[in-house]
């Protein structure tokens, strides 16, 4: 067996001296932490975004097509082809339940089979945002009477089913820029040869999400 197999990122909390909220936003805050790398090391200060985390869903139908949604993203002034996704902003909500809710709200579909494709930190040098991307199969439509009414940017969402290989090529060509979509389609393509049997179940633990361990303060330490 190769010596490189089985390597993994590890939890590595350091001594937190203080923490304060520098900016409170509508969705996330900016926090300033003072900490030490070693017990006798000099104090360091880092500012970062305190984010609730998110889930994204790569829906795959029986024809081998993935669902892409198109919506406007104001910070980059572009409409992007993405996969359904949303914030984990309901306290105590199960991650997979949140993913199913977002899939129904953004795409009017539901799934009977769930796996975890991959887990990411989207910008770990500046944000604690953790993202879990699910693979959803066994796709059916949400009944018309039960569909979510979309507003604001979500009201402009357009959907398109695309062959997985075409979505992979769009990512490689630089035609698709959403990190969740790029990571999701590449992970799905990598898992496809095994029939997706090498994926974790949908309810697999997610210890990297900040809500799952006590070493990461959920609020400011004054």
C-alpha atoms as a PDB file:
ATOM      1  CA  UNK A   1       0.000   0.000   0.000  1.00  0.00           C
ATOM      2  CA  UNK A   2       1.279   3.469  -0.851  1.00  0.00           C
ATOM      3  CA  UNK A   3       2.458   5.485   2.138  1.00  0.00           C
ATOM      4  CA  UNK A   4       0.365   8.421   0.912  1.00  0.00           C
ATOM      5  CA  UNK A   5      -2.947   6.566   1.244  1.00  0.00           C
ATOM      6  CA  UNK A   6      -5.055   7.376   4.266  1.00  0.00           C
ATOM      7  CA  UNK A   7      -3.722  10.883   4.879  1.00  0.00           C
ATOM      8  CA  UNK A   8      -6.232  13.385   6.240  1.00  0.00           C
ATOM      9  CA  UNK A   9      -6.623  16.924   7.535  1.00  0.00           C
ATOM     10  CA  UNK A  10      -6.740  17.089  11.336  1.00  0.00           C
ATOM     11  CA  UNK A  11      -8.339  19.233  14.005  1.00  0.00           C
ATOM     12  CA  UNK A  12      -5.662  21.495  15.492  1.00  0.00           C
ATOM     13  CA  UNK A  13      -7.151  24.079  17.847  1.00  0.00           C
ATOM     14  CA  UNK A  14      -4.731  26.554  19.383  1.00  0.00           C
ATOM     15  CA  UNK A  15      -4.973  28.522  22.607  1.00  0.00           C
ATOM     16  CA  UNK A  16      -7.565  31.269  22.145  1.00  0.00           C
ATOM     17  CA  UNK A  17      -6.786  34.407  24.151  1.00  0.00           C
ATOM     18  CA  UNK A  18      -9.691  36.601  23.053  1.00  0.00           C
ATOM     19  CA  UNK A  19     -12.324  36.933  20.380  1.00  0.00           C
ATOM     20  CA  UNK A  20     -14.474  39.874  19.382  1.00  0.00           C
ATOM     21  CA  UNK A  21     -17.026  40.630  16.681  1.00  0.00           C
ATOM     22  CA  UNK A  22     -15.767  43.506  14.533  1.00  0.00           C
ATOM     23  CA  UNK A  23     -18.699  43.576  12.130  1.00  0.00           C
ATOM     24  CA  UNK A  24     -22.180  42.072  12.272  1.00  0.00           C
ATOM     25  CA  UNK A  25     -23.760  41.336   8.919  1.00  0.00           C
ATOM     26  CA  UNK A  26     -27.057  39.999   7.655  1.00  0.00           C
ATOM     27  CA  UNK A  27     -25.694  36.504   7.058  1.00  0.00           C
ATOM     28  CA  UNK A  28     -22.177  36.408   8.538  1.00  0.00           C
ATOM     29  CA  UNK A  29     -19.977  38.348  10.945  1.00  0.00           C
ATOM     30  CA  UNK A  30     -16.338  39.366  10.884  1.00  0.00           C
ATOM     31  CA  UNK A  31     -14.509  38.138  13.976  1.00  0.00           C
ATOM     32  CA  UNK A  32     -11.094  39.070  15.303  1.00  0.00           C
ATOM     33  CA  UNK A  33      -9.309  36.324  17.272  1.00  0.00           C
ATOM     34  CA  UNK A  34      -6.132  36.579  19.315  1.00  0.00           C
ATOM     35  CA  UNK A  35      -4.414  33.210  19.800  1.00  0.00           C
ATOM     36  CA  UNK A  36      -1.087  31.458  20.296  1.00  0.00           C
ATOM     37  CA  UNK A  37       0.419  28.742  18.119  1.00  0.00           C
ATOM     38  CA  UNK A  38       2.408  27.470  21.135  1.00  0.00           C
ATOM     39  CA  UNK A  39       2.085  28.035  24.865  1.00  0.00           C
ATOM     40  CA  UNK A  40       5.071  30.376  24.888  1.00  0.00           C
ATOM     41  CA  UNK A  41       4.557  31.831  21.417  1.00  0.00           C
ATOM     42  CA  UNK A  42       3.755  35.425  20.629  1.00  0.00           C
ATOM     43  CA  UNK A  43       0.067  36.316  20.360  1.00  0.00           C
ATOM     44  CA  UNK A  44      -1.281  36.451  16.815  1.00  0.00           C
ATOM     45  CA  UNK A  45      -4.413  38.240  15.584  1.00  0.00           C
ATOM     46  CA  UNK A  46      -6.468  37.026  12.652  1.00  0.00           C
ATOM     47  CA  UNK A  47      -9.730  38.399  11.288  1.00  0.00           C
ATOM     48  CA  UNK A  48     -12.110  35.997   9.552  1.00  0.00           C
ATOM     49  CA  UNK A  49     -15.709  35.520   8.504  1.00  0.00           C
ATOM     50  CA  UNK A  50     -17.850  33.608  10.982  1.00  0.00           C
ATOM     51  CA  UNK A  51     -20.163  31.717   8.654  1.00  0.00           C
ATOM     52  CA  UNK A  52     -22.971  29.238   9.432  1.00  0.00           C
ATOM     53  CA  UNK A  53     -21.817  26.816   6.746  1.00  0.00           C
ATOM     54  CA  UNK A  54     -23.707  25.557   3.727  1.00  0.00           C
ATOM     55  CA  UNK A  55     -24.822  22.521   1.782  1.00  0.00           C
ATOM     56  CA  UNK A  56     -24.944  21.979  -1.978  1.00  0.00           C
ATOM     57  CA  UNK A  57     -26.597  19.241  -3.989  1.00  0.00           C
ATOM     58  CA  UNK A  58     -25.551  17.594  -7.228  1.00  0.00           C
ATOM     59  CA  UNK A  59     -28.799  16.061  -8.465  1.00  0.00           C
ATOM     60  CA  UNK A  60     -28.215  13.223 -10.937  1.00  0.00           C
ATOM     61  CA  UNK A  61     -31.081  11.726 -12.940  1.00  0.00           C
ATOM     62  CA  UNK A  62     -31.378   8.252 -14.451  1.00  0.00           C
ATOM     63  CA  UNK A  63     -30.092   9.548 -17.812  1.00  0.00           C
ATOM     64  CA  UNK A  64     -26.776  10.561 -16.253  1.00  0.00           C
ATOM     65  CA  UNK A  65     -27.575  14.269 -16.325  1.00  0.00           C
ATOM     66  CA  UNK A  66     -26.906  16.752 -13.542  1.00  0.00           C
ATOM     67  CA  UNK A  67     -29.149  19.671 -12.669  1.00  0.00           C
ATOM     68  CA  UNK A  68     -27.598  23.117 -13.023  1.00  0.00           C
ATOM     69  CA  UNK A  69     -29.278  26.320 -11.946  1.00  0.00           C
ATOM     70  CA  UNK A  70     -28.461  29.798 -13.219  1.00  0.00           C
ATOM     71  CA  UNK A  71     -28.727  32.840 -10.976  1.00  0.00           C
ATOM     72  CA  UNK A  72     -27.230  36.289 -10.475  1.00  0.00           C
ATOM     73  CA  UNK A  73     -24.382  36.764  -7.999  1.00  0.00           C
ATOM     74  CA  UNK A  74     -23.926  40.441  -7.205  1.00  0.00           C
ATOM     75  CA  UNK A  75     -20.353  40.470  -5.774  1.00  0.00           C
ATOM     76  CA  UNK A  76     -18.979  39.160  -9.090  1.00  0.00           C
ATOM     77  CA  UNK A  77     -21.653  40.866 -11.265  1.00  0.00           C
ATOM     78  CA  UNK A  78     -22.332  37.644 -13.155  1.00  0.00           C
ATOM     79  CA  UNK A  79     -25.006  35.044 -13.635  1.00  0.00           C
ATOM     80  CA  UNK A  80     -23.436  31.701 -12.758  1.00  0.00           C
ATOM     81  CA  UNK A  81     -24.286  28.102 -13.526  1.00  0.00           C
ATOM     82  CA  UNK A  82     -24.380  26.448 -10.128  1.00  0.00           C
ATOM     83  CA  UNK A  83     -25.915  23.508  -8.310  1.00  0.00           C
ATOM     84  CA  UNK A  84     -28.684  24.009  -5.718  1.00  0.00           C
ATOM     85  CA  UNK A  85     -27.237  25.175  -2.408  1.00  0.00           C
ATOM     86  CA  UNK A  86     -28.092  27.068   0.728  1.00  0.00           C
ATOM     87  CA  UNK A  87     -27.010  28.200   4.152  1.00  0.00           C
ATOM     88  CA  UNK A  88     -27.212  26.092   7.298  1.00  0.00           C
ATOM     89  CA  UNK A  89     -28.974  28.918   9.082  1.00  0.00           C
ATOM     90  CA  UNK A  90     -31.667  26.963  10.932  1.00  0.00           C
ATOM     91  CA  UNK A  91     -30.382  26.073  14.398  1.00  0.00           C
ATOM     92  CA  UNK A  92     -30.189  22.336  14.985  1.00  0.00           C
ATOM     93  CA  UNK A  93     -31.332  21.356  11.486  1.00  0.00           C
ATOM     94  CA  UNK A  94     -29.865  18.064  10.277  1.00  0.00           C
ATOM     95  CA  UNK A  95     -27.421  18.640   7.414  1.00  0.00           C
ATOM     96  CA  UNK A  96     -29.123  16.252   5.006  1.00  0.00           C
ATOM     97  CA  UNK A  97     -32.552  17.621   5.885  1.00  0.00           C
ATOM     98  CA  UNK A  98     -31.249  21.092   5.079  1.00  0.00           C
ATOM     99  CA  UNK A  99     -29.927  19.854   1.745  1.00  0.00           C
ATOM    100  CA  UNK A 100     -33.285  18.293   0.856  1.00  0.00           C
ATOM    101  CA  UNK A 101     -35.029  21.536   1.772  1.00  0.00           C
ATOM    102  CA  UNK A 102     -32.730  23.579  -0.448  1.00  0.00           C
ATOM    103  CA  UNK A 103     -33.121  21.164  -3.361  1.00  0.00           C
ATOM    104  CA  UNK A 104     -36.899  21.481  -3.158  1.00  0.00           C
ATOM    105  CA  UNK A 105     -36.844  25.267  -2.716  1.00  0.00           C
ATOM    106  CA  UNK A 106     -34.419  26.055  -5.540  1.00  0.00           C
ATOM    107  CA  UNK A 107     -35.178  23.325  -8.069  1.00  0.00           C
ATOM    108  CA  UNK A 108     -38.655  21.929  -7.255  1.00  0.00           C
ATOM    109  CA  UNK A 109     -37.296  18.388  -7.034  1.00  0.00           C
ATOM    110  CA  UNK A 110     -36.748  15.775  -4.329  1.00  0.00           C
ATOM    111  CA  UNK A 111     -34.515  12.725  -4.054  1.00  0.00           C
ATOM    112  CA  UNK A 112     -34.806   9.288  -2.475  1.00  0.00           C
ATOM    113  CA  UNK A 113     -31.091   8.383  -2.410  1.00  0.00           C
ATOM    114  CA  UNK A 114     -28.395  10.527  -0.795  1.00  0.00           C
ATOM    115  CA  UNK A 115     -24.605  10.296  -0.565  1.00  0.00           C
ATOM    116  CA  UNK A 116     -21.870  12.700   0.437  1.00  0.00           C
ATOM    117  CA  UNK A 117     -19.717  13.695  -2.530  1.00  0.00           C
ATOM    118  CA  UNK A 118     -17.161  15.836  -0.723  1.00  0.00           C
ATOM    119  CA  UNK A 119     -16.607  18.338   2.105  1.00  0.00           C
ATOM    120  CA  UNK A 120     -14.816  21.642   1.621  1.00  0.00           C
ATOM    121  CA  UNK A 121     -13.619  24.764   3.376  1.00  0.00           C
ATOM    122  CA  UNK A 122     -14.218  27.357   0.677  1.00  0.00           C
ATOM    123  CA  UNK A 123     -11.649  29.922   1.817  1.00  0.00           C
ATOM    124  CA  UNK A 124      -9.957  28.681   5.001  1.00  0.00           C
ATOM    125  CA  UNK A 125      -7.525  31.580   5.143  1.00  0.00           C
ATOM    126  CA  UNK A 126     -10.336  34.089   5.620  1.00  0.00           C
ATOM    127  CA  UNK A 127     -13.559  32.241   6.437  1.00  0.00           C
ATOM    128  CA  UNK A 128     -14.770  29.310   8.490  1.00  0.00           C
ATOM    129  CA  UNK A 129     -17.404  28.475   5.853  1.00  0.00           C
ATOM    130  CA  UNK A 130     -17.700  24.705   5.601  1.00  0.00           C
ATOM    131  CA  UNK A 131     -19.535  23.242   2.624  1.00  0.00           C
ATOM    132  CA  UNK A 132     -20.862  19.715   2.235  1.00  0.00           C
ATOM    133  CA  UNK A 133     -21.776  18.623  -1.299  1.00  0.00           C
ATOM    134  CA  UNK A 134     -24.294  15.820  -1.639  1.00  0.00           C
ATOM    135  CA  UNK A 135     -25.090  13.502  -4.508  1.00  0.00           C
ATOM    136  CA  UNK A 136     -28.869  13.156  -4.817  1.00  0.00           C
ATOM    137  CA  UNK A 137     -30.452  10.428  -6.941  1.00  0.00           C
ATOM    138  CA  UNK A 138     -33.908   8.930  -7.335  1.00  0.00           C
ATOM    139  CA  UNK A 139     -35.200  12.276  -8.558  1.00  0.00           C
ATOM    140  CA  UNK A 140     -38.888  13.205  -8.630  1.00  0.00           C
ATOM    141  CA  UNK A 141     -40.667  16.547  -8.894  1.00  0.00           C
ATOM    142  CA  UNK A 142     -42.155  18.343  -5.907  1.00  0.00           C
ATOM    143  CA  UNK A 143     -45.953  18.523  -6.327  1.00  0.00           C
ATOM    144  CA  UNK A 144     -47.096  21.885  -7.701  1.00  0.00           C
ATOM    145  CA  UNK A 145     -49.081  22.734  -4.571  1.00  0.00           C
ATOM    146  CA  UNK A 146     -46.054  22.182  -2.314  1.00  0.00           C
ATOM    147  CA  UNK A 147     -43.528  24.271  -4.240  1.00  0.00           C
ATOM    148  CA  UNK A 148     -41.597  27.108  -2.636  1.00  0.00           C
ATOM    149  CA  UNK A 149     -42.245  30.676  -3.825  1.00  0.00           C
ATOM    150  CA  UNK A 150     -38.864  32.095  -4.825  1.00  0.00           C
ATOM    151  CA  UNK A 151     -38.068  35.789  -4.324  1.00  0.00           C
ATOM    152  CA  UNK A 152     -35.254  38.277  -5.077  1.00  0.00           C
ATOM    153  CA  UNK A 153     -32.334  36.677  -6.947  1.00  0.00           C
ATOM    154  CA  UNK A 154     -33.908  33.228  -6.571  1.00  0.00           C
ATOM    155  CA  UNK A 155     -36.949  34.418  -8.538  1.00  0.00           C
ATOM    156  CA  UNK A 156     -34.706  34.588 -11.634  1.00  0.00           C
ATOM    157  CA  UNK A 157     -33.391  31.012 -11.311  1.00  0.00           C
ATOM    158  CA  UNK A 158     -33.306  29.016 -14.534  1.00  0.00           C
ATOM    159  CA  UNK A 159     -32.642  25.272 -14.561  1.00  0.00           C
ATOM    160  CA  UNK A 160     -30.987  22.977 -17.073  1.00  0.00           C
ATOM    161  CA  UNK A 161     -30.200  19.258 -17.128  1.00  0.00           C
ATOM    162  CA  UNK A 162     -26.715  18.620 -18.537  1.00  0.00           C
ATOM    163  CA  UNK A 163     -24.808  15.403 -19.209  1.00  0.00           C
ATOM    164  CA  UNK A 164     -22.250  14.907 -16.452  1.00  0.00           C
ATOM    165  CA  UNK A 165     -19.408  14.753 -18.983  1.00  0.00           C
ATOM    166  CA  UNK A 166     -20.502  18.062 -20.508  1.00  0.00           C
ATOM    167  CA  UNK A 167     -20.576  19.658 -17.056  1.00  0.00           C
ATOM    168  CA  UNK A 168     -17.053  18.380 -16.375  1.00  0.00           C
ATOM    169  CA  UNK A 169     -15.854  19.872 -19.659  1.00  0.00           C
ATOM    170  CA  UNK A 170     -17.500  23.200 -18.805  1.00  0.00           C
ATOM    171  CA  UNK A 171     -15.499  23.264 -15.577  1.00  0.00           C
ATOM    172  CA  UNK A 172     -12.251  22.429 -17.385  1.00  0.00           C
ATOM    173  CA  UNK A 173     -12.946  25.022 -20.086  1.00  0.00           C
ATOM    174  CA  UNK A 174     -13.461  27.780 -17.521  1.00  0.00           C
ATOM    175  CA  UNK A 175     -17.123  28.176 -18.478  1.00  0.00           C
ATOM    176  CA  UNK A 176     -18.371  27.358 -14.980  1.00  0.00           C
ATOM    177  CA  UNK A 177     -16.971  29.177 -11.939  1.00  0.00           C
ATOM    178  CA  UNK A 178     -19.124  28.172  -8.965  1.00  0.00           C
ATOM    179  CA  UNK A 179     -16.886  26.258  -6.525  1.00  0.00           C
ATOM    180  CA  UNK A 180     -19.685  23.955  -5.423  1.00  0.00           C
ATOM    181  CA  UNK A 181     -20.623  23.130  -9.008  1.00  0.00           C
ATOM    182  CA  UNK A 182     -17.031  22.571 -10.132  1.00  0.00           C
ATOM    183  CA  UNK A 183     -16.164  20.428  -7.123  1.00  0.00           C
ATOM    184  CA  UNK A 184     -19.460  18.553  -7.328  1.00  0.00           C
ATOM    185  CA  UNK A 185     -19.252  17.578 -10.991  1.00  0.00           C
ATOM    186  CA  UNK A 186     -15.573  16.606 -10.748  1.00  0.00           C
ATOM    187  CA  UNK A 187     -16.213  14.513  -7.638  1.00  0.00           C
ATOM    188  CA  UNK A 188     -19.214  12.839  -9.271  1.00  0.00           C
ATOM    189  CA  UNK A 189     -17.172  12.030 -12.371  1.00  0.00           C
ATOM    190  CA  UNK A 190     -14.431  10.534 -10.182  1.00  0.00           C
ATOM    191  CA  UNK A 191     -16.962   8.414  -8.261  1.00  0.00           C
ATOM    192  CA  UNK A 192     -18.946   7.261 -11.292  1.00  0.00           C
ATOM    193  CA  UNK A 193     -16.640   4.358 -12.346  1.00  0.00           C
ATOM    194  CA  UNK A 194     -17.375   2.612  -9.030  1.00  0.00           C
ATOM    195  CA  UNK A 195     -21.110   3.120  -9.453  1.00  0.00           C
ATOM    196  CA  UNK A 196     -20.817   5.631  -6.591  1.00  0.00           C
ATOM    197  CA  UNK A 197     -20.212   2.775  -4.139  1.00  0.00           C
ATOM    198  CA  UNK A 198     -17.099   4.518  -2.779  1.00  0.00           C
ATOM    199  CA  UNK A 199     -19.102   7.463  -1.454  1.00  0.00           C
ATOM    200  CA  UNK A 200     -20.127   8.017   2.151  1.00  0.00           C
ATOM    201  CA  UNK A 201     -23.803   7.724   3.082  1.00  0.00           C
ATOM    202  CA  UNK A 202     -25.862  10.891   3.261  1.00  0.00           C
ATOM    203  CA  UNK A 203     -25.938  10.834   7.054  1.00  0.00           C
ATOM    204  CA  UNK A 204     -22.162  10.479   7.441  1.00  0.00           C
ATOM    205  CA  UNK A 205     -20.671  12.509  10.311  1.00  0.00           C
ATOM    206  CA  UNK A 206     -19.324  15.960   9.479  1.00  0.00           C
ATOM    207  CA  UNK A 207     -16.920  16.714  12.337  1.00  0.00           C
ATOM    208  CA  UNK A 208     -15.302  19.613  10.475  1.00  0.00           C
ATOM    209  CA  UNK A 209     -18.452  21.727  10.706  1.00  0.00           C
ATOM    210  CA  UNK A 210     -18.010  24.111  13.614  1.00  0.00           C
ATOM    211  CA  UNK A 211     -21.240  23.010  15.283  1.00  0.00           C
ATOM    212  CA  UNK A 212     -19.861  19.497  15.813  1.00  0.00           C
ATOM    213  CA  UNK A 213     -17.053  20.203  18.276  1.00  0.00           C
ATOM    214  CA  UNK A 214     -16.615  22.257  21.390  1.00  0.00           C
ATOM    215  CA  UNK A 215     -13.097  23.537  20.713  1.00  0.00           C
ATOM    216  CA  UNK A 216     -14.423  26.248  18.402  1.00  0.00           C
ATOM    217  CA  UNK A 217     -16.381  28.943  20.212  1.00  0.00           C
ATOM    218  CA  UNK A 218     -19.787  29.539  18.652  1.00  0.00           C
ATOM    219  CA  UNK A 219     -19.832  33.151  19.828  1.00  0.00           C
ATOM    220  CA  UNK A 220     -17.301  35.737  20.942  1.00  0.00           C
ATOM    221  CA  UNK A 221     -14.968  35.114  23.859  1.00  0.00           C
ATOM    222  CA  UNK A 222     -14.485  38.466  25.566  1.00  0.00           C
END
